[in-house]
Amino acid sequence: MNDFRIAEAFINAFYSPRVSDKSDSIELACLMKQKLNIKNNLEKYLNFHHSQSQKIFKNIEEATNLSFPQLYIETIRKHITFGTYQLKQCYGYLAEHFKKNGRFKSKITEQNIPEENDKILLSEIHSRHSNNVVYKVFVKYVPNSNNYDTLEWICSCKSGRRTVGCCTHVASVIIT
């Protein structure tokens, strides 16, 4: 047992963490606390319109006005993923999908959501761990706006319903 403690001491002393966000960890923690009590309105909307959800989406190739927000990686890291982990992981998903067919299977709402000026992007992402599993990622956004505060998301994976941060699947869709 002492050998393990010695090895752990060496690792802690001489190796840096694989992923480090120490430089702005206090700022990220404050931003995360601000989002703690935010409700996921997209989930409510999708649950309410579940019966007609297939009717409101069309293939993204047919869309005339996509206008998805173009965000800087640093903005995504600070305000959406709250760190680098999902960003580093999403490159694996992107590489896998672009290697297979060049893009995600995506759909978009035909018209803006009533009472709002928003659209919803639906993407299907295959799991990297199981070929049979496909996750559905919904991202609600305001067309022609590069404001990260207007984005809402939900994913069918285990951690995809959170509002503080996002899963790797959502990060993959937002980053493309």
N, C-alpha and C. Protein backbone atom coordinates (compact mmCIF):
# COMPACT_ATOMS: atom_id res chain seq x y z
N MET A 1 0.82 -1.19 0.00
CA MET A 1 0.00 0.00 0.00
C MET A 1 0.86 1.26 0.00
N ASN A 2 2.00 1.21 0.63
CA ASN A 2 2.89 2.37 0.65
C ASN A 2 3.40 2.72 -0.74
N ASP A 3 3.56 1.69 -1.59
CA ASP A 3 4.03 1.94 -2.96
C ASP A 3 3.05 2.84 -3.72
N PHE A 4 1.75 2.59 -3.52
CA PHE A 4 0.74 3.41 -4.19
C PHE A 4 0.79 4.85 -3.71
N ARG A 5 0.97 5.04 -2.42
CA ARG A 5 1.04 6.40 -1.88
C ARG A 5 2.26 7.14 -2.42
N ILE A 6 3.36 6.44 -2.54
CA ILE A 6 4.57 7.06 -3.09
C ILE A 6 4.34 7.43 -4.55
N ALA A 7 3.73 6.51 -5.31
CA ALA A 7 3.44 6.78 -6.73
C ALA A 7 2.48 7.96 -6.87
N GLU A 8 1.45 8.01 -6.03
CA GLU A 8 0.51 9.13 -6.07
C GLU A 8 1.21 10.45 -5.75
N ALA A 9 2.11 10.43 -4.80
CA ALA A 9 2.85 11.64 -4.45
C ALA A 9 3.69 12.13 -5.63
N PHE A 10 4.35 11.19 -6.33
CA PHE A 10 5.13 11.56 -7.51
C PHE A 10 4.24 12.15 -8.61
N ILE A 11 3.11 11.52 -8.83
CA ILE A 11 2.19 12.01 -9.87
C ILE A 11 1.70 13.42 -9.52
N ASN A 12 1.29 13.61 -8.27
CA ASN A 12 0.81 14.93 -7.85
C ASN A 12 1.89 15.99 -7.91
N ALA A 13 3.12 15.60 -7.64
CA ALA A 13 4.22 16.57 -7.59
C ALA A 13 4.73 16.96 -8.98
N PHE A 14 4.79 16.00 -9.90
CA PHE A 14 5.51 16.26 -11.15
C PHE A 14 4.65 16.28 -12.42
N TYR A 15 3.41 15.85 -12.35
CA TYR A 15 2.57 15.82 -13.55
C TYR A 15 1.43 16.82 -13.40
N SER A 16 1.19 17.55 -14.47
CA SER A 16 0.07 18.50 -14.44
C SER A 16 -1.22 17.76 -14.76
N PRO A 17 -2.35 18.30 -14.37
CA PRO A 17 -3.62 17.66 -14.70
C PRO A 17 -3.79 17.59 -16.22
N ARG A 18 -4.51 16.59 -16.67
CA ARG A 18 -4.72 16.40 -18.11
C ARG A 18 -5.49 17.58 -18.70
N VAL A 19 -6.49 18.04 -17.98
CA VAL A 19 -7.28 19.19 -18.41
C VAL A 19 -7.25 20.19 -17.27
N SER A 20 -6.86 21.41 -17.56
CA SER A 20 -6.75 22.40 -16.50
C SER A 20 -7.48 23.69 -16.88
N ASP A 21 -8.34 24.13 -16.00
CA ASP A 21 -9.03 25.41 -16.16
C ASP A 21 -8.77 26.29 -14.95
N LYS A 22 -7.62 26.11 -14.34
CA LYS A 22 -7.32 26.82 -13.09
C LYS A 22 -7.25 28.33 -13.27
N SER A 23 -6.86 28.80 -14.42
CA SER A 23 -6.62 30.23 -14.60
C SER A 23 -7.87 31.08 -14.35
N ASP A 24 -9.04 30.56 -14.66
CA ASP A 24 -10.26 31.34 -14.46
C ASP A 24 -11.34 30.53 -13.74
N SER A 25 -10.94 29.65 -12.86
CA SER A 25 -11.90 28.77 -12.19
C SER A 25 -12.89 29.52 -11.31
N ILE A 26 -12.47 30.60 -10.66
CA ILE A 26 -13.38 31.38 -9.82
C ILE A 26 -14.45 32.05 -10.69
N GLU A 27 -14.01 32.61 -11.81
CA GLU A 27 -14.95 33.26 -12.74
C GLU A 27 -15.96 32.24 -13.28
N LEU A 28 -15.48 31.05 -13.67
CA LEU A 28 -16.37 30.01 -14.17
C LEU A 28 -17.37 29.57 -13.10
N ALA A 29 -16.90 29.46 -11.86
CA ALA A 29 -17.80 29.06 -10.77
C ALA A 29 -18.90 30.10 -10.56
N CYS A 30 -18.56 31.37 -10.65
CA CYS A 30 -19.57 32.43 -10.51
C CYS A 30 -20.58 32.38 -11.65
N LEU A 31 -20.10 32.17 -12.87
CA LEU A 31 -21.01 32.06 -14.02
C LEU A 31 -21.93 30.85 -13.88
N MET A 32 -21.39 29.76 -13.35
CA MET A 32 -22.19 28.55 -13.15
C MET A 32 -23.28 28.79 -12.11
N LYS A 33 -22.95 29.49 -11.04
CA LYS A 33 -23.93 29.78 -10.00
C LYS A 33 -25.08 30.62 -10.54
N GLN A 34 -24.79 31.51 -11.47
CA GLN A 34 -25.83 32.35 -12.07
C GLN A 34 -26.84 31.51 -12.84
N LYS A 35 -26.41 30.39 -13.41
CA LYS A 35 -27.29 29.57 -14.24
C LYS A 35 -27.98 28.46 -13.46
N LEU A 36 -27.70 28.37 -12.17
CA LEU A 36 -28.18 27.26 -11.37
C LEU A 36 -29.69 27.10 -11.37
N ASN A 37 -30.44 28.17 -11.28
CA ASN A 37 -31.90 28.09 -11.15
C ASN A 37 -32.64 28.41 -12.44
N ILE A 38 -31.95 28.41 -13.55
CA ILE A 38 -32.60 28.68 -14.83
C ILE A 38 -33.37 27.43 -15.27
N LYS A 39 -34.60 27.63 -15.67
CA LYS A 39 -35.44 26.53 -16.14
C LYS A 39 -35.19 26.28 -17.62
N ASN A 40 -35.37 25.04 -18.04
CA ASN A 40 -35.17 24.68 -19.43
C ASN A 40 -36.50 24.82 -20.18
N ASN A 41 -36.73 25.97 -20.79
CA ASN A 41 -37.97 26.22 -21.52
C ASN A 41 -38.08 25.37 -22.77
N LEU A 42 -36.96 25.00 -23.34
CA LEU A 42 -36.97 24.16 -24.55
C LEU A 42 -37.58 22.80 -24.23
N GLU A 43 -37.24 22.25 -23.09
CA GLU A 43 -37.80 20.96 -22.70
C GLU A 43 -39.31 21.04 -22.56
N LYS A 44 -39.81 22.11 -21.94
CA LYS A 44 -41.25 22.31 -21.81
C LYS A 44 -41.91 22.41 -23.18
N TYR A 45 -41.30 23.19 -24.07
CA TYR A 45 -41.84 23.38 -25.42
C TYR A 45 -41.91 22.05 -26.16
N LEU A 46 -40.83 21.27 -26.11
CA LEU A 46 -40.81 19.99 -26.82
C LEU A 46 -41.80 18.99 -26.23
N ASN A 47 -41.95 18.98 -24.92
CA ASN A 47 -42.93 18.09 -24.29
C ASN A 47 -44.35 18.47 -24.69
N PHE A 48 -44.63 19.76 -24.75
CA PHE A 48 -45.96 20.24 -25.10
C PHE A 48 -46.29 19.93 -26.56
N HIS A 49 -45.31 20.04 -27.45
CA HIS A 49 -45.54 19.84 -28.89
C HIS A 49 -45.07 18.46 -29.36
N HIS A 50 -44.97 17.52 -28.44
CA HIS A 50 -44.43 16.20 -28.77
C HIS A 50 -45.22 15.50 -29.89
N SER A 51 -46.53 15.61 -29.87
CA SER A 51 -47.34 14.89 -30.85
C SER A 51 -47.09 15.37 -32.28
N GLN A 52 -46.73 16.62 -32.45
CA GLN A 52 -46.50 17.14 -33.80
C GLN A 52 -45.03 17.48 -34.04
N SER A 53 -44.14 16.93 -33.20
CA SER A 53 -42.73 17.32 -33.30
C SER A 53 -42.10 16.94 -34.65
N GLN A 54 -42.53 15.85 -35.25
CA GLN A 54 -41.95 15.47 -36.53
C GLN A 54 -42.42 16.39 -37.66
N LYS A 55 -43.58 17.00 -37.49
CA LYS A 55 -44.12 17.87 -38.53
C LYS A 55 -43.42 19.23 -38.58
N ILE A 56 -42.90 19.68 -37.45
CA ILE A 56 -42.33 21.03 -37.43
C ILE A 56 -40.89 21.08 -37.94
N PHE A 57 -40.26 19.92 -38.13
CA PHE A 57 -38.87 19.90 -38.60
C PHE A 57 -38.78 19.49 -40.06
N LYS A 58 -37.81 20.08 -40.75
CA LYS A 58 -37.53 19.66 -42.12
C LYS A 58 -36.01 19.52 -42.26
N ASN A 59 -35.58 18.83 -43.29
CA ASN A 59 -34.14 18.62 -43.49
C ASN A 59 -33.42 19.95 -43.61
N ILE A 60 -32.25 20.00 -43.06
CA ILE A 60 -31.49 21.25 -43.02
C ILE A 60 -31.08 21.70 -44.42
N GLU A 61 -30.95 20.76 -45.35
CA GLU A 61 -30.58 21.12 -46.72
C GLU A 61 -31.67 21.94 -47.40
N GLU A 62 -32.91 21.79 -46.94
CA GLU A 62 -34.04 22.52 -47.52
C GLU A 62 -34.23 23.89 -46.89
N ALA A 63 -33.53 24.16 -45.81
CA ALA A 63 -33.72 25.42 -45.08
C ALA A 63 -33.16 26.59 -45.87
N THR A 64 -33.89 27.69 -45.85
CA THR A 64 -33.44 28.88 -46.57
C THR A 64 -32.71 29.85 -45.66
N ASN A 65 -33.11 29.91 -44.39
CA ASN A 65 -32.49 30.87 -43.47
C ASN A 65 -32.06 30.15 -42.20
N LEU A 66 -30.87 29.57 -42.22
CA LEU A 66 -30.37 28.85 -41.05
C LEU A 66 -29.87 29.84 -40.00
N SER A 67 -28.94 30.69 -40.34
CA SER A 67 -28.43 31.78 -39.50
C SER A 67 -28.12 31.35 -38.07
N PHE A 68 -27.43 30.22 -37.91
CA PHE A 68 -27.05 29.73 -36.58
C PHE A 68 -25.94 30.61 -36.01
N PRO A 69 -25.97 30.91 -34.72
CA PRO A 69 -24.95 31.79 -34.13
C PRO A 69 -23.53 31.27 -34.34
N GLN A 70 -22.63 32.16 -34.67
CA GLN A 70 -21.21 31.85 -34.82
C GLN A 70 -20.50 32.34 -33.56
N LEU A 71 -20.11 31.42 -32.71
CA LEU A 71 -19.50 31.78 -31.43
C LEU A 71 -18.02 31.41 -31.42
N TYR A 72 -17.23 32.21 -30.74
CA TYR A 72 -15.82 31.90 -30.57
C TYR A 72 -15.67 30.74 -29.58
N ILE A 73 -14.62 29.96 -29.75
CA ILE A 73 -14.35 28.83 -28.86
C ILE A 73 -14.27 29.30 -27.41
N GLU A 74 -13.63 30.42 -27.18
CA GLU A 74 -13.48 30.94 -25.81
C GLU A 74 -14.84 31.29 -25.20
N THR A 75 -15.76 31.81 -26.00
CA THR A 75 -17.11 32.10 -25.52
C THR A 75 -17.83 30.81 -25.16
N ILE A 76 -17.70 29.80 -26.00
CA ILE A 76 -18.32 28.50 -25.72
C ILE A 76 -17.74 27.91 -24.43
N ARG A 77 -16.43 28.00 -24.27
CA ARG A 77 -15.76 27.44 -23.09
C ARG A 77 -16.22 28.14 -21.81
N LYS A 78 -16.34 29.46 -21.86
CA LYS A 78 -16.67 30.22 -20.65
C LYS A 78 -18.15 30.24 -20.31
N HIS A 79 -19.03 30.21 -21.30
CA HIS A 79 -20.44 30.46 -21.04
C HIS A 79 -21.36 29.29 -21.37
N ILE A 80 -20.86 28.26 -22.03
CA ILE A 80 -21.73 27.14 -22.39
C ILE A 80 -21.23 25.84 -21.77
N THR A 81 -19.96 25.48 -22.01
CA THR A 81 -19.43 24.23 -21.44
C THR A 81 -18.83 24.43 -20.06
N PHE A 82 -18.47 25.65 -19.72
CA PHE A 82 -17.83 25.99 -18.44
C PHE A 82 -16.55 25.19 -18.22
N GLY A 83 -15.77 25.08 -19.24
CA GLY A 83 -14.50 24.38 -19.15
C GLY A 83 -14.12 23.79 -20.48
N THR A 84 -13.03 23.05 -20.49
CA THR A 84 -12.50 22.52 -21.74
C THR A 84 -12.84 21.06 -22.00
N TYR A 85 -13.37 20.35 -21.01
CA TYR A 85 -13.57 18.91 -21.16
C TYR A 85 -14.46 18.58 -22.36
N GLN A 86 -15.65 19.17 -22.42
CA GLN A 86 -16.57 18.87 -23.53
C GLN A 86 -15.98 19.28 -24.87
N LEU A 87 -15.24 20.38 -24.88
CA LEU A 87 -14.64 20.84 -26.14
C LEU A 87 -13.62 19.84 -26.64
N LYS A 88 -12.80 19.31 -25.75
CA LYS A 88 -11.80 18.32 -26.16
C LYS A 88 -12.47 17.03 -26.61
N GLN A 89 -13.56 16.65 -25.95
CA GLN A 89 -14.28 15.43 -26.32
C GLN A 89 -15.05 15.59 -27.63
N CYS A 90 -15.59 16.76 -27.89
CA CYS A 90 -16.45 16.92 -29.06
C CYS A 90 -15.68 16.79 -30.37
N TYR A 91 -14.39 17.06 -30.35
CA TYR A 91 -13.61 16.89 -31.58
C TYR A 91 -13.61 15.43 -32.04
N GLY A 92 -13.69 14.49 -31.10
CA GLY A 92 -13.80 13.08 -31.47
C GLY A 92 -15.11 12.79 -32.17
N TYR A 93 -16.21 13.36 -31.68
CA TYR A 93 -17.51 13.20 -32.33
C TYR A 93 -17.50 13.83 -33.72
N LEU A 94 -16.94 15.02 -33.81
CA LEU A 94 -16.89 15.70 -35.10
C LEU A 94 -16.08 14.90 -36.11
N ALA A 95 -14.92 14.42 -35.70
CA ALA A 95 -14.07 13.64 -36.60
C ALA A 95 -14.78 12.38 -37.06
N GLU A 96 -15.46 11.72 -36.14
CA GLU A 96 -16.17 10.48 -36.46
C GLU A 96 -17.29 10.73 -37.48
N HIS A 97 -18.07 11.77 -37.26
CA HIS A 97 -19.19 12.06 -38.16
C HIS A 97 -18.72 12.57 -39.51
N PHE A 98 -17.71 13.41 -39.53
CA PHE A 98 -17.23 13.93 -40.81
C PHE A 98 -16.51 12.85 -41.60
N LYS A 99 -15.93 11.88 -40.91
CA LYS A 99 -15.27 10.77 -41.60
C LYS A 99 -16.31 9.87 -42.26
N LYS A 100 -17.45 9.66 -41.59
CA LYS A 100 -18.48 8.77 -42.10
C LYS A 100 -19.24 9.39 -43.27
N ASN A 101 -19.86 10.56 -43.03
CA ASN A 101 -20.72 11.11 -44.08
C ASN A 101 -20.57 12.62 -44.28
N GLY A 102 -19.63 13.22 -43.59
CA GLY A 102 -19.38 14.63 -43.81
C GLY A 102 -20.21 15.60 -43.00
N ARG A 103 -21.22 15.11 -42.26
CA ARG A 103 -22.05 16.02 -41.46
C ARG A 103 -22.92 15.22 -40.50
N PHE A 104 -23.54 15.96 -39.58
CA PHE A 104 -24.55 15.37 -38.71
C PHE A 104 -25.85 15.27 -39.50
N LYS A 105 -26.69 14.32 -39.13
CA LYS A 105 -28.04 14.29 -39.69
C LYS A 105 -28.82 15.35 -38.94
N SER A 106 -29.18 16.44 -39.62
CA SER A 106 -29.79 17.58 -38.94
C SER A 106 -31.09 18.00 -39.59
N LYS A 107 -31.97 18.54 -38.76
CA LYS A 107 -33.24 19.12 -39.21
C LYS A 107 -33.41 20.44 -38.49
N ILE A 108 -34.30 21.26 -39.02
CA ILE A 108 -34.54 22.58 -38.43
C ILE A 108 -36.02 22.89 -38.50
N THR A 109 -36.51 23.72 -37.59
CA THR A 109 -37.91 24.12 -37.64
C THR A 109 -38.14 24.97 -38.88
N GLU A 110 -39.27 24.72 -39.52
CA GLU A 110 -39.56 25.41 -40.78
C GLU A 110 -39.81 26.90 -40.56
N GLN A 111 -40.66 27.21 -39.59
CA GLN A 111 -40.91 28.60 -39.25
C GLN A 111 -40.35 28.87 -37.86
N ASN A 112 -40.29 30.14 -37.54
CA ASN A 112 -39.89 30.49 -36.18
C ASN A 112 -40.96 29.99 -35.21
N ILE A 113 -40.55 29.77 -33.99
CA ILE A 113 -41.48 29.32 -32.95
C ILE A 113 -42.49 30.44 -32.70
N PRO A 114 -43.79 30.10 -32.67
CA PRO A 114 -44.80 31.13 -32.40
C PRO A 114 -44.52 31.85 -31.08
N GLU A 115 -44.87 33.11 -31.01
CA GLU A 115 -44.63 34.00 -29.87
C GLU A 115 -43.15 34.30 -29.64
N GLU A 116 -42.28 33.72 -30.40
CA GLU A 116 -40.85 33.97 -30.23
C GLU A 116 -40.23 34.11 -31.61
N ASN A 117 -39.01 34.56 -31.66
CA ASN A 117 -38.31 34.69 -32.93
C ASN A 117 -37.25 33.59 -33.05
N ASP A 118 -37.48 32.45 -32.39
CA ASP A 118 -36.48 31.40 -32.30
C ASP A 118 -36.71 30.28 -33.30
N LYS A 119 -35.64 29.56 -33.56
CA LYS A 119 -35.70 28.33 -34.34
C LYS A 119 -35.09 27.22 -33.50
N ILE A 120 -35.40 25.98 -33.86
CA ILE A 120 -34.83 24.82 -33.17
C ILE A 120 -34.09 23.97 -34.19
N LEU A 121 -32.86 23.66 -33.87
CA LEU A 121 -32.04 22.78 -34.68
C LEU A 121 -32.04 21.41 -34.02
N LEU A 122 -32.33 20.37 -34.77
CA LEU A 122 -32.32 19.00 -34.28
C LEU A 122 -31.21 18.24 -34.99
N SER A 123 -30.30 17.67 -34.24
CA SER A 123 -29.22 16.87 -34.83
C SER A 123 -29.21 15.50 -34.17
N GLU A 124 -28.87 14.50 -34.96
CA GLU A 124 -28.73 13.14 -34.44
C GLU A 124 -27.26 12.77 -34.45
N ILE A 125 -26.77 12.36 -33.28
CA ILE A 125 -25.35 12.05 -33.12
C ILE A 125 -25.21 10.62 -32.63
N HIS A 126 -24.45 9.82 -33.35
CA HIS A 126 -24.20 8.44 -32.93
C HIS A 126 -23.23 8.43 -31.75
N SER A 127 -23.50 7.55 -30.82
CA SER A 127 -22.62 7.40 -29.67
C SER A 127 -21.26 6.87 -30.11
N ARG A 128 -20.21 7.35 -29.47
CA ARG A 128 -18.87 6.84 -29.78
C ARG A 128 -18.65 5.50 -29.10
N HIS A 129 -19.50 5.17 -28.12
CA HIS A 129 -19.30 3.95 -27.35
C HIS A 129 -20.17 2.79 -27.83
N SER A 130 -21.30 3.10 -28.43
CA SER A 130 -22.21 2.07 -28.91
C SER A 130 -22.80 2.53 -30.24
N ASN A 131 -22.58 1.77 -31.28
CA ASN A 131 -23.05 2.15 -32.62
C ASN A 131 -24.57 2.18 -32.71
N ASN A 132 -25.25 1.41 -31.87
CA ASN A 132 -26.71 1.34 -31.95
C ASN A 132 -27.39 2.54 -31.30
N VAL A 133 -26.66 3.31 -30.51
CA VAL A 133 -27.26 4.42 -29.77
C VAL A 133 -27.12 5.71 -30.56
N VAL A 134 -28.24 6.40 -30.74
CA VAL A 134 -28.25 7.70 -31.41
C VAL A 134 -28.86 8.71 -30.45
N TYR A 135 -28.14 9.79 -30.21
CA TYR A 135 -28.63 10.84 -29.32
C TYR A 135 -29.26 11.94 -30.16
N LYS A 136 -30.39 12.45 -29.68
CA LYS A 136 -31.04 13.59 -30.34
C LYS A 136 -30.68 14.85 -29.57
N VAL A 137 -30.14 15.81 -30.29
CA VAL A 137 -29.73 17.09 -29.69
C VAL A 137 -30.62 18.18 -30.27
N PHE A 138 -31.29 18.92 -29.40
CA PHE A 138 -32.11 20.05 -29.80
C PHE A 138 -31.44 21.32 -29.30
N VAL A 139 -31.25 22.29 -30.19
CA VAL A 139 -30.67 23.58 -29.80
C VAL A 139 -31.61 24.67 -30.29
N LYS A 140 -32.13 25.46 -29.35
CA LYS A 140 -33.00 26.59 -29.69
C LYS A 140 -32.13 27.84 -29.76
N TYR A 141 -32.32 28.63 -30.80
CA TYR A 141 -31.50 29.83 -31.00
C TYR A 141 -32.30 30.91 -31.70
N VAL A 142 -31.80 32.12 -31.61
CA VAL A 142 -32.38 33.26 -32.32
C VAL A 142 -31.58 33.45 -33.61
N PRO A 143 -32.23 33.36 -34.78
CA PRO A 143 -31.50 33.55 -36.04
C PRO A 143 -30.85 34.94 -36.11
N ASN A 144 -29.71 35.00 -36.74
CA ASN A 144 -28.95 36.25 -36.94
C ASN A 144 -28.51 36.89 -35.63
N SER A 145 -28.37 36.10 -34.59
CA SER A 145 -27.89 36.62 -33.31
C SER A 145 -26.69 35.79 -32.88
N ASN A 146 -25.64 36.45 -32.45
CA ASN A 146 -24.47 35.74 -31.94
C ASN A 146 -24.38 35.84 -30.42
N ASN A 147 -25.53 35.93 -29.78
CA ASN A 147 -25.61 36.04 -28.34
C ASN A 147 -25.76 34.65 -27.73
N TYR A 148 -24.81 34.24 -26.92
CA TYR A 148 -24.86 32.92 -26.31
C TYR A 148 -25.99 32.79 -25.29
N ASP A 149 -26.45 33.90 -24.74
CA ASP A 149 -27.53 33.86 -23.74
C ASP A 149 -28.86 33.40 -24.32
N THR A 150 -29.03 33.51 -25.62
CA THR A 150 -30.30 33.11 -26.23
C THR A 150 -30.35 31.62 -26.54
N LEU A 151 -29.23 30.93 -26.43
CA LEU A 151 -29.19 29.50 -26.73
C LEU A 151 -29.80 28.68 -25.59
N GLU A 152 -30.59 27.68 -25.96
CA GLU A 152 -31.08 26.67 -25.03
C GLU A 152 -30.87 25.34 -25.71
N TRP A 153 -30.66 24.29 -24.92
CA TRP A 153 -30.37 22.99 -25.51
C TRP A 153 -30.92 21.88 -24.64
N ILE A 154 -31.07 20.73 -25.28
CA ILE A 154 -31.45 19.52 -24.59
C ILE A 154 -30.94 18.35 -25.43
N CYS A 155 -30.49 17.31 -24.77
CA CYS A 155 -29.97 16.12 -25.45
C CYS A 155 -30.61 14.90 -24.81
N SER A 156 -30.75 13.84 -25.58
CA SER A 156 -31.37 12.62 -25.06
C SER A 156 -30.40 11.75 -24.26
N CYS A 157 -29.15 12.17 -24.10
CA CYS A 157 -28.20 11.40 -23.29
C CYS A 157 -28.50 11.61 -21.80
N LYS A 158 -27.79 10.87 -20.95
CA LYS A 158 -28.06 10.93 -19.51
C LYS A 158 -27.84 12.31 -18.91
N SER A 159 -26.88 13.05 -19.39
CA SER A 159 -26.59 14.36 -18.81
C SER A 159 -27.05 15.51 -19.70
N GLY A 160 -27.90 15.24 -20.65
CA GLY A 160 -28.28 16.24 -21.65
C GLY A 160 -29.34 17.23 -21.27
N ARG A 161 -29.95 17.09 -20.09
CA ARG A 161 -31.03 17.99 -19.69
C ARG A 161 -30.56 19.10 -18.75
N ARG A 162 -29.30 19.22 -18.53
CA ARG A 162 -28.82 20.22 -17.59
C ARG A 162 -28.76 21.61 -18.22
N THR A 163 -28.84 22.62 -17.37
CA THR A 163 -28.75 24.00 -17.84
C THR A 163 -27.42 24.64 -17.46
N VAL A 164 -26.72 24.06 -16.49
CA VAL A 164 -25.38 24.53 -16.14
C VAL A 164 -24.40 23.68 -16.92
N GLY A 165 -23.82 24.26 -17.95
CA GLY A 165 -22.95 23.48 -18.83
C GLY A 165 -23.78 22.68 -19.81
N CYS A 166 -23.10 21.87 -20.60
CA CYS A 166 -23.80 21.02 -21.56
C CYS A 166 -23.01 19.74 -21.75
N CYS A 167 -23.65 18.77 -22.37
CA CYS A 167 -22.95 17.52 -22.66
C CYS A 167 -22.09 17.70 -23.91
N THR A 168 -21.29 16.70 -24.19
CA THR A 168 -20.39 16.75 -25.34
C THR A 168 -21.16 16.78 -26.65
N HIS A 169 -22.32 16.13 -26.69
CA HIS A 169 -23.11 16.10 -27.93
C HIS A 169 -23.61 17.50 -28.29
N VAL A 170 -24.09 18.23 -27.29
CA VAL A 170 -24.55 19.61 -27.52
C VAL A 170 -23.37 20.48 -27.95
N ALA A 171 -22.24 20.32 -27.27
CA ALA A 171 -21.05 21.10 -27.64
C ALA A 171 -20.65 20.83 -29.08
N SER A 172 -20.78 19.58 -29.52
CA SER A 172 -20.44 19.22 -30.91
C SER A 172 -21.32 19.95 -31.91
N VAL A 173 -22.60 20.07 -31.60
CA VAL A 173 -23.53 20.76 -32.50
C VAL A 173 -23.26 22.26 -32.50
N ILE A 174 -23.06 22.83 -31.33
CA ILE A 174 -22.85 24.28 -31.22
C ILE A 174 -21.55 24.69 -31.88
N ILE A 175 -20.53 23.87 -31.78
CA ILE A 175 -19.21 24.23 -32.30
C ILE A 175 -19.14 24.15 -33.83
N THR A 176 -20.03 23.36 -34.45
CA THR A 176 -19.97 23.23 -35.91
C THR A 176 -20.57 24.39 -36.55
